[in-house]
Amino acid sequence: MPERPVVMVGFVPVAVTSLAQFQPEGSVIVIDEPDVIRKRELGPKADEAPVVRELIAWEYQLEGAADAFYNAHPDLDPAAVAPLQEYATPFAARLAERYGVPTGGYGALRVLRDKAVLRRVSRAAGILNPESVEVTGPDEVRAFMAEHPGPAVLKPANRQAALGTRILASPDEIDEAWAETTAMDEGVMVPDRGFELRMLVERCVQGREYSVELLVERGRAVFGNVTGKELYPGGRPVELGHLVPADIPGELDALLRAETGRLLEAVGFGTGIAHCEWIVENGRPYLVECAGRFPGDGIVDLIDRAYRVDLVRAFWTLMKGEPLTAPLPEKAPGAAAIRFLHTGAGVVEDVSGLDEARALPGVQACSVTVEPGAEVRELRSSWDRVGSVVTEAENGAEAVAAARRALDTVQIKVRPAQDGPVQDEPAQDRPA
């Protein structure tokens, strides 16, 4: 019998490459938005991947899209359905339900997809959340900051990649921040029709930030990791780097995993992977947000390197309803880090030092995504970073130090744009 296909919602090149390591040729079906397929020129990319059987254009972010897809393709009979991008999570969960394959659950993914709803649900379960309200304009932000003195966070309830998120140090910044955050565009990554933007304002929790990655089978965690996160300084919380596993005491590691488990139980999560972000203030973890999908920013690669596992294969095994052949490790025998590069806004004149950086001890990969002549935007979201380095070491401190040395070796000369600061442009097609 022919191999039952696996369905991947949202085209992610690194995910296609990972699937090709264990899926037969022609066994992967990719679903993506028609506008995104056109703007990212995904047709040729899918044709070049032998593992991809078909790229199906479908407006999957519309209400009822999964049921419409099922009724248009009732005989597809997939072995698994999973989202590879944030906006794909509710559609993929509902489609999996219709085809009768494992899923995190449509209800659970709808809650995780909406930060405002997640606040209500998790708070009712006793999970710590910062004070938070939905707002429709600057005056409501001012009222919140008057009632809650100190820094606040203005952010969308339904976007990704830290896009449109600002830390407000004082009420004087509100009008400018509101205009910026509500106008930002994801370009090639979203359909042209757009979607309704909803905003939140929250108390800015002060502390170190972590994420927890849990692989879950029918509500039971079969693998867990805590990632240490470092942010760029300033008013936009864009991630500068990640360390796997986080260099923290065992008690905090256990607490973060336990709180993530409680959160997934509160939303009714079934089978899949979750990436949950926390800020620890005075020893207490406060929920930032949680996604029912793989983490981006190379965290999966770091997990594979530090724990000596193949997390992608384990994930798809569970999504097919098959048993894991062996238990996954509870502790990591090593450490891995990723650190990102940004140069400041301007026009790139020269890039140097890449070969030297790649030759440094511990460096596993080092890349820059811009060339001379390219324009670099002000750092406003994850899409604006222009390079990264991945390292491995026996412990976290050595992995982070190796990453810093490598990025210090890479030199990107940038001159100011002749026509003034580089303006917002559609996000480029870079890996998550």
Protein backbone atom coordinates (compact mmCIF):
# COMPACT_ATOMS: atom_id res chain seq x y z
CA MET A 1 0.00 0.00 0.00
CA PRO A 2 1.21 3.57 -0.69
CA GLU A 3 2.52 5.56 2.25
CA ARG A 4 -0.19 7.59 3.97
CA PRO A 5 0.88 11.22 3.68
CA VAL A 6 1.69 13.55 6.53
CA VAL A 7 0.21 17.04 6.24
CA MET A 8 2.30 20.05 7.18
CA VAL A 9 0.40 23.34 7.51
CA GLY A 10 2.65 26.30 6.73
CA PHE A 11 5.74 25.91 4.54
CA VAL A 12 8.94 25.94 6.65
CA PRO A 13 12.06 24.95 4.68
CA VAL A 14 13.94 23.52 7.67
CA ALA A 15 10.90 21.39 8.56
CA VAL A 16 10.76 19.98 5.03
CA THR A 17 14.46 19.12 5.30
CA SER A 18 13.88 17.41 8.65
CA LEU A 19 10.96 15.36 7.34
CA ALA A 20 13.08 14.19 4.40
CA GLN A 21 15.36 12.41 6.88
CA PHE A 22 12.72 9.80 7.69
CA GLN A 23 9.72 10.26 5.37
CA PRO A 24 9.71 8.53 1.95
CA GLU A 25 9.75 10.63 -1.20
CA GLY A 26 6.36 12.03 -2.13
CA SER A 27 4.83 11.48 1.31
CA VAL A 28 4.42 15.07 2.56
CA ILE A 29 1.56 17.39 1.67
CA VAL A 30 2.03 21.08 2.47
CA ILE A 31 -0.89 23.49 2.88
CA ASP A 32 -0.34 27.24 2.76
CA GLU A 33 -2.19 30.45 2.01
CA PRO A 34 -2.42 31.30 -1.72
CA ASP A 35 -1.00 34.80 -1.20
CA VAL A 36 1.89 33.45 0.88
CA ILE A 37 2.69 30.82 -1.76
CA ARG A 38 2.82 33.55 -4.39
CA LYS A 39 4.81 36.10 -2.38
CA ARG A 40 7.35 33.60 -1.04
CA GLU A 41 7.54 31.77 -4.38
CA LEU A 42 6.90 28.45 -2.64
CA GLY A 43 5.90 26.49 -5.74
CA PRO A 44 9.49 26.02 -7.01
CA LYS A 45 10.71 25.31 -3.47
CA ALA A 46 8.15 22.54 -3.07
CA ASP A 47 9.02 21.13 -6.52
CA GLU A 48 12.69 20.96 -5.51
CA ALA A 49 11.92 18.88 -2.39
CA PRO A 50 11.49 15.19 -3.36
CA VAL A 51 9.71 14.47 -0.06
CA VAL A 52 6.86 16.87 -0.97
CA ARG A 53 4.00 15.24 -2.86
CA GLU A 54 1.87 18.35 -3.27
CA LEU A 55 1.59 21.99 -2.23
CA ILE A 56 -2.07 22.88 -1.73
CA ALA A 57 -3.19 26.51 -1.74
CA TRP A 58 -5.92 27.05 0.85
CA GLU A 59 -7.08 30.10 2.81
CA TYR A 60 -6.57 28.23 6.04
CA GLN A 61 -6.75 31.22 8.38
CA LEU A 62 -10.43 31.85 7.62
CA GLU A 63 -13.15 30.59 9.96
CA GLY A 64 -14.42 27.16 8.92
CA ALA A 65 -11.41 26.59 6.64
CA ALA A 66 -10.53 23.17 8.08
CA ASP A 67 -14.03 21.76 7.69
CA ALA A 68 -14.20 23.15 4.16
CA PHE A 69 -10.85 21.52 3.37
CA TYR A 70 -11.98 18.17 4.77
CA ASN A 71 -15.15 18.21 2.70
CA ALA A 72 -13.14 19.07 -0.40
CA HIS A 73 -10.60 16.27 0.31
CA PRO A 74 -12.53 13.56 2.19
CA ASP A 75 -10.34 10.72 0.89
CA LEU A 76 -6.95 12.24 1.72
CA ASP A 77 -6.46 9.83 4.66
CA PRO A 78 -3.36 11.46 6.23
CA ALA A 79 -1.25 9.65 8.79
CA ALA A 80 -0.71 12.93 10.66
CA VAL A 81 -1.57 16.63 10.48
CA ALA A 82 0.52 19.28 12.24
CA PRO A 83 1.12 23.05 12.17
CA LEU A 84 4.58 24.43 11.47
CA GLN A 85 3.65 28.10 11.90
CA GLU A 86 1.79 30.02 14.60
CA TYR A 87 -1.15 31.08 12.45
CA ALA A 88 -1.68 27.48 11.31
CA THR A 89 -2.31 25.98 14.75
CA PRO A 90 -6.15 26.12 15.00
CA PHE A 91 -6.64 24.99 11.40
CA ALA A 92 -4.26 22.04 11.78
CA ALA A 93 -5.89 20.94 15.03
CA ARG A 94 -9.39 21.02 13.57
CA LEU A 95 -8.24 19.25 10.40
CA ALA A 96 -6.60 16.52 12.49
CA GLU A 97 -9.86 16.06 14.39
CA ARG A 98 -11.79 15.67 11.15
CA TYR A 99 -9.36 13.06 9.82
CA GLY A 100 -9.23 11.25 13.16
CA VAL A 101 -5.50 11.57 13.84
CA PRO A 102 -3.78 12.78 17.04
CA THR A 103 -3.86 16.49 17.83
CA GLY A 104 -3.44 18.98 20.62
CA GLY A 105 -7.14 19.69 20.18
CA TYR A 106 -8.97 22.48 18.37
CA GLY A 107 -10.30 23.98 21.60
CA ALA A 108 -6.87 23.99 23.22
CA LEU A 109 -5.18 25.52 20.19
CA ARG A 110 -7.80 28.25 19.91
CA VAL A 111 -7.04 29.24 23.51
CA LEU A 112 -3.26 29.16 23.00
CA ARG A 113 -3.55 31.15 19.77
CA ASP A 114 -5.24 34.11 21.50
CA LYS A 115 -3.17 35.73 24.25
CA ALA A 116 -6.17 37.48 25.79
CA VAL A 117 -8.19 34.26 26.04
CA LEU A 118 -5.13 32.42 27.37
CA ARG A 119 -4.84 34.99 30.15
CA ARG A 120 -8.43 34.34 31.26
CA VAL A 121 -8.20 30.57 31.11
CA SER A 122 -4.81 30.24 32.81
CA ARG A 123 -5.63 32.79 35.51
CA ALA A 124 -8.75 30.81 36.39
CA ALA A 125 -6.50 27.75 36.84
CA GLY A 126 -4.36 29.60 39.38
CA ILE A 127 -1.41 30.27 37.06
CA LEU A 128 0.35 33.59 37.64
CA ASN A 129 -0.29 36.19 34.94
CA PRO A 130 0.65 39.87 34.86
CA GLU A 131 -2.20 42.34 35.17
CA SER A 132 -3.55 42.65 31.62
CA VAL A 133 -6.47 44.18 29.72
CA GLU A 134 -7.53 44.45 26.10
CA VAL A 135 -7.36 48.00 24.74
CA THR A 136 -8.69 49.71 21.64
CA GLY A 137 -6.78 52.98 21.75
CA PRO A 138 -4.11 55.08 23.46
CA ASP A 139 -6.48 56.53 26.06
CA GLU A 140 -7.19 53.07 27.45
CA VAL A 141 -3.44 52.41 27.64
CA ARG A 142 -3.03 55.65 29.60
CA ALA A 143 -5.78 54.62 32.00
CA PHE A 144 -4.08 51.27 32.61
CA MET A 145 -0.69 52.86 33.27
CA ALA A 146 -2.28 55.35 35.67
CA GLU A 147 -3.79 52.46 37.63
CA HIS A 148 -0.61 50.33 37.45
CA PRO A 149 2.43 52.58 37.94
CA GLY A 150 5.67 51.46 36.33
CA PRO A 151 6.62 50.06 32.93
CA ALA A 152 3.96 48.39 30.80
CA VAL A 153 3.97 46.14 27.75
CA LEU A 154 1.84 46.97 24.72
CA LYS A 155 1.43 43.99 22.40
CA PRO A 156 -0.93 42.30 19.95
CA ALA A 157 -3.08 39.47 21.24
CA ASN A 158 -2.88 37.60 17.94
CA ARG A 159 0.47 38.10 16.21
CA GLN A 160 3.83 36.30 16.12
CA ALA A 161 7.62 36.87 16.24
CA ALA A 162 7.34 39.69 18.85
CA LEU A 163 5.94 41.85 16.06
CA GLY A 164 4.27 44.97 17.40
CA THR A 165 5.42 44.49 21.00
CA ARG A 166 6.73 47.53 22.91
CA ILE A 167 7.84 48.11 26.48
CA LEU A 168 6.52 51.49 27.63
CA ALA A 169 8.76 53.16 30.20
CA SER A 170 6.35 56.08 30.67
CA PRO A 171 2.95 57.31 29.43
CA ASP A 172 4.79 59.82 27.20
CA GLU A 173 5.59 56.95 24.82
CA ILE A 174 2.04 55.71 24.36
CA ASP A 175 0.89 57.62 21.27
CA GLU A 176 4.04 56.92 19.25
CA ALA A 177 4.11 53.27 20.34
CA TRP A 178 0.44 52.75 19.48
CA ALA A 179 0.96 54.17 15.98
CA GLU A 180 3.99 51.93 15.43
CA THR A 181 2.66 48.68 16.83
CA THR A 182 -0.70 48.82 15.06
CA ALA A 183 0.87 49.66 11.68
CA MET A 184 3.56 46.97 11.48
CA ASP A 185 3.27 44.54 8.58
CA GLU A 186 4.46 40.94 8.20
CA GLY A 187 4.75 41.24 4.44
CA VAL A 188 5.34 37.94 2.66
CA MET A 189 4.49 35.88 5.76
CA VAL A 190 0.75 36.70 5.78
CA PRO A 191 -2.12 36.85 3.27
CA ASP A 192 -2.87 40.17 1.58
CA ARG A 193 -6.37 40.30 3.08
CA GLY A 194 -4.90 40.90 6.57
CA PHE A 195 -6.77 40.20 9.78
CA GLU A 196 -8.29 42.05 12.69
CA LEU A 197 -5.61 43.21 15.13
CA ARG A 198 -6.42 43.15 18.86
CA MET A 199 -4.14 44.79 21.43
CA LEU A 200 -3.25 44.13 25.06
CA VAL A 201 -1.54 46.28 27.67
CA GLU A 202 0.08 44.51 30.62
CA ARG A 203 2.25 45.16 33.63
CA CYS A 204 5.89 44.65 32.66
CA VAL A 205 7.11 41.74 34.76
CA GLN A 206 10.74 42.19 35.82
CA GLY A 207 13.00 39.14 35.74
CA ARG A 208 14.79 36.50 33.67
CA GLU A 209 12.90 34.92 30.80
CA TYR A 210 12.68 31.22 29.97
CA SER A 211 10.74 28.94 27.67
CA VAL A 212 9.62 25.39 28.30
CA GLU A 213 9.30 22.89 25.47
CA LEU A 214 7.11 19.88 26.24
CA LEU A 215 6.41 16.95 23.92
CA VAL A 216 3.05 15.60 25.02
CA GLU A 217 1.19 12.36 24.30
CA ARG A 218 -2.51 12.34 25.24
CA GLY A 219 -1.94 14.94 27.94
CA ARG A 220 1.21 13.35 29.40
CA ALA A 221 4.62 14.94 28.90
CA VAL A 222 7.13 12.48 27.42
CA PHE A 223 9.95 15.01 27.04
CA GLY A 224 10.71 18.40 28.53
CA ASN A 225 13.34 21.11 28.31
CA VAL A 226 13.83 24.57 29.78
CA THR A 227 15.51 27.14 27.52
CA GLY A 228 17.30 30.20 28.88
CA LYS A 229 16.55 33.37 26.90
CA GLU A 230 18.37 36.66 26.53
CA LEU A 231 16.77 39.77 25.01
CA TYR A 232 18.20 42.77 23.22
CA PRO A 233 18.18 45.81 25.51
CA GLY A 234 15.63 48.53 24.85
CA GLY A 235 11.93 48.88 24.41
CA ARG A 236 11.34 46.00 22.01
CA PRO A 237 11.63 42.50 23.54
CA VAL A 238 13.40 40.80 20.63
CA GLU A 239 15.38 37.69 21.53
CA LEU A 240 19.17 37.97 21.36
CA GLY A 241 19.96 34.35 22.15
CA HIS A 242 18.93 31.01 23.64
CA LEU A 243 20.70 28.43 25.79
CA VAL A 244 19.67 24.76 26.04
CA PRO A 245 19.30 23.65 28.72
CA ALA A 246 18.92 26.80 30.81
CA ASP A 247 21.67 27.20 33.40
CA ILE A 248 19.37 27.31 36.44
CA PRO A 249 18.93 25.41 39.72
CA GLY A 250 17.07 22.11 39.56
CA GLU A 251 14.23 23.47 41.70
CA LEU A 252 13.46 26.24 39.21
CA ASP A 253 13.76 23.84 36.27
CA ALA A 254 11.21 21.53 37.89
CA LEU A 255 8.88 24.44 38.76
CA LEU A 256 8.85 25.78 35.20
CA ARG A 257 8.13 22.34 33.76
CA ALA A 258 5.37 21.74 36.33
CA GLU A 259 3.70 25.10 35.64
CA THR A 260 3.78 24.40 31.90
CA GLY A 261 2.17 21.03 32.54
CA ARG A 262 -0.54 22.72 34.61
CA LEU A 263 -1.14 25.22 31.84
CA LEU A 264 -1.55 22.52 29.19
CA GLU A 265 -3.92 20.65 31.48
CA ALA A 266 -5.91 23.86 31.97
CA VAL A 267 -6.45 24.30 28.22
CA GLY A 268 -7.04 20.58 27.59
CA PHE A 269 -4.00 19.95 25.38
CA GLY A 270 -3.84 16.44 23.91
CA THR A 271 -0.92 15.32 21.70
CA GLY A 272 1.77 17.53 20.20
CA ILE A 273 4.46 19.97 21.21
CA ALA A 274 4.11 23.16 23.22
CA HIS A 275 6.46 26.11 23.59
CA CYS A 276 5.60 28.14 26.67
CA GLU A 277 7.35 31.37 27.74
CA TRP A 278 7.75 32.56 31.34
CA ILE A 279 9.35 35.44 33.24
CA VAL A 280 10.54 34.64 36.76
CA GLU A 281 10.01 37.58 39.12
CA ASN A 282 11.07 37.17 42.76
CA GLY A 283 11.25 33.41 42.29
CA ARG A 284 7.72 33.12 40.86
CA PRO A 285 7.07 32.28 37.17
CA TYR A 286 4.61 34.55 35.36
CA LEU A 287 3.11 33.39 32.08
CA VAL A 288 4.13 35.37 29.00
CA GLU A 289 2.46 33.25 26.30
CA CYS A 290 2.27 29.68 25.04
CA ALA A 291 2.17 28.21 21.52
CA GLY A 292 0.99 24.77 20.44
CA ARG A 293 3.73 24.29 17.87
CA PHE A 294 7.48 23.87 17.52
CA PRO A 295 9.54 26.77 18.84
CA GLY A 296 11.33 28.93 16.31
CA ASP A 297 14.72 30.61 16.55
CA GLY A 298 16.63 27.33 16.17
CA ILE A 299 15.59 25.99 19.58
CA VAL A 300 14.71 22.56 18.16
CA ASP A 301 18.24 22.26 16.76
CA LEU A 302 19.67 23.24 20.16
CA ILE A 303 17.56 20.58 21.87
CA ASP A 304 18.73 17.92 19.43
CA ARG A 305 22.37 18.88 20.01
CA ALA A 306 22.21 19.17 23.80
CA TYR A 307 20.06 16.09 24.48
CA ARG A 308 21.32 13.93 21.58
CA VAL A 309 17.76 13.37 20.34
CA ASP A 310 15.75 13.77 17.13
CA LEU A 311 12.83 15.80 18.45
CA VAL A 312 11.20 16.22 15.03
CA ARG A 313 11.08 12.47 14.43
CA ALA A 314 9.70 11.86 17.92
CA PHE A 315 7.01 14.50 17.35
CA TRP A 316 5.83 13.04 14.05
CA THR A 317 5.86 9.55 15.56
CA LEU A 318 3.37 10.67 18.20
CA MET A 319 1.29 12.64 15.69
CA LYS A 320 0.90 9.42 13.69
CA GLY A 321 -0.37 7.68 16.81
CA GLU A 322 2.66 5.41 16.95
CA PRO A 323 4.65 4.56 20.11
CA LEU A 324 8.13 5.93 20.71
CA THR A 325 10.72 3.18 20.37
CA ALA A 326 12.58 4.32 23.50
CA PRO A 327 12.12 6.86 26.31
CA LEU A 328 13.53 10.30 25.60
CA PRO A 329 16.29 11.58 27.93
CA GLU A 330 15.38 13.52 31.05
CA LYS A 331 18.69 15.39 31.22
CA ALA A 332 21.00 16.85 28.60
CA PRO A 333 24.57 15.49 28.50
CA GLY A 334 25.80 18.73 26.92
CA ALA A 335 24.74 22.28 26.10
CA ALA A 336 24.00 24.26 22.94
CA ALA A 337 23.45 27.96 22.30
CA ILE A 338 22.31 30.26 19.54
CA ARG A 339 23.01 33.97 19.40
CA PHE A 340 21.64 36.46 16.88
CA LEU A 341 23.19 39.42 15.13
CA HIS A 342 21.86 42.89 14.38
CA THR A 343 23.86 45.83 13.06
CA GLY A 344 21.61 48.86 13.39
CA ALA A 345 19.66 50.39 10.52
CA GLY A 346 21.41 51.31 7.28
CA VAL A 347 22.85 49.92 4.05
CA VAL A 348 25.34 47.04 4.22
CA GLU A 349 28.74 47.90 2.75
CA ASP A 350 30.78 44.82 3.66
CA VAL A 351 30.53 41.46 5.43
CA SER A 352 33.68 39.76 6.72
CA GLY A 353 34.91 37.27 9.30
CA LEU A 354 32.45 34.47 8.57
CA ASP A 355 35.08 31.84 7.75
CA GLU A 356 37.12 32.78 10.80
CA ALA A 357 34.03 32.57 13.03
CA ARG A 358 33.09 29.16 11.67
CA ALA A 359 36.56 27.83 12.48
CA LEU A 360 36.40 28.78 16.17
CA PRO A 361 36.10 25.99 18.79
CA GLY A 362 32.54 24.95 19.52
CA VAL A 363 30.97 26.71 16.53
CA GLN A 364 28.60 24.44 14.61
CA ALA A 365 27.05 26.99 12.25
CA CYS A 366 27.41 30.69 11.52
CA SER A 367 25.46 32.63 8.90
CA VAL A 368 24.59 36.15 7.80
CA THR A 369 21.42 36.81 5.80
CA VAL A 370 22.44 40.13 4.20
CA GLU A 371 24.93 41.07 1.48
CA PRO A 372 26.50 44.37 0.44
CA GLY A 373 23.81 46.68 -0.83
CA ALA A 374 21.07 45.24 1.38
CA GLU A 375 19.14 47.54 3.68
CA VAL A 376 18.89 46.67 7.36
CA ARG A 377 15.91 47.95 9.30
CA GLU A 378 15.75 49.15 12.86
CA LEU A 379 15.35 46.19 15.23
CA ARG A 380 11.61 45.92 15.82
CA SER A 381 10.93 42.19 15.60
CA SER A 382 12.66 38.84 15.12
CA TRP A 383 12.47 39.31 11.34
CA ASP A 384 14.97 42.20 11.53
CA ARG A 385 17.95 40.18 12.81
CA VAL A 386 20.61 39.57 10.16
CA GLY A 387 22.67 36.60 11.33
CA SER A 388 23.20 33.87 13.89
CA VAL A 389 25.73 31.44 15.33
CA VAL A 390 25.10 28.00 16.86
CA THR A 391 27.56 26.46 19.33
CA GLU A 392 27.98 23.28 21.36
CA ALA A 393 29.95 22.75 24.57
CA GLU A 394 30.09 20.65 27.73
CA ASN A 395 28.19 23.28 29.70
CA GLY A 396 26.09 26.36 29.17
CA ALA A 397 28.68 28.97 30.09
CA GLU A 398 31.12 27.59 27.53
CA ALA A 399 28.43 27.41 24.82
CA VAL A 400 27.40 31.05 25.35
CA ALA A 401 31.03 32.24 25.48
CA ALA A 402 31.78 30.46 22.19
CA ALA A 403 28.76 32.10 20.55
CA ARG A 404 29.83 35.55 21.71
CA ARG A 405 33.37 35.03 20.41
CA ALA A 406 32.05 33.97 17.03
CA LEU A 407 29.73 36.95 16.59
CA ASP A 408 32.49 39.30 17.72
CA THR A 409 34.54 37.91 14.84
CA VAL A 410 31.87 38.67 12.22
CA GLN A 411 32.06 42.25 10.96
CA ILE A 412 29.20 43.92 9.08
CA LYS A 413 29.88 47.49 7.98
CA VAL A 414 26.72 49.57 7.61
CA ARG A 415 26.34 53.15 6.43
CA PRO A 416 23.25 55.31 6.97
CA ALA A 417 20.71 55.14 4.17
CA GLN A 418 20.99 58.17 1.86
CA ASP A 419 17.30 58.90 2.14
CA GLY A 420 17.28 58.75 5.92
CA PRO A 421 16.44 55.84 8.26
CA VAL A 422 15.45 52.60 6.60
CA GLN A 423 11.67 52.38 6.57
CA ASP A 424 9.54 49.37 7.32
CA GLU A 425 9.42 46.90 4.44
CA PRO A 426 7.70 43.52 4.09
CA ALA A 427 9.43 40.88 6.18
CA GLN A 428 11.92 38.83 4.20
CA ASP A 429 11.63 35.08 3.83
CA ARG A 430 13.97 34.03 6.64
CA PRO A 431 13.77 30.90 8.74
CA ALA A 432 11.93 31.17 12.04
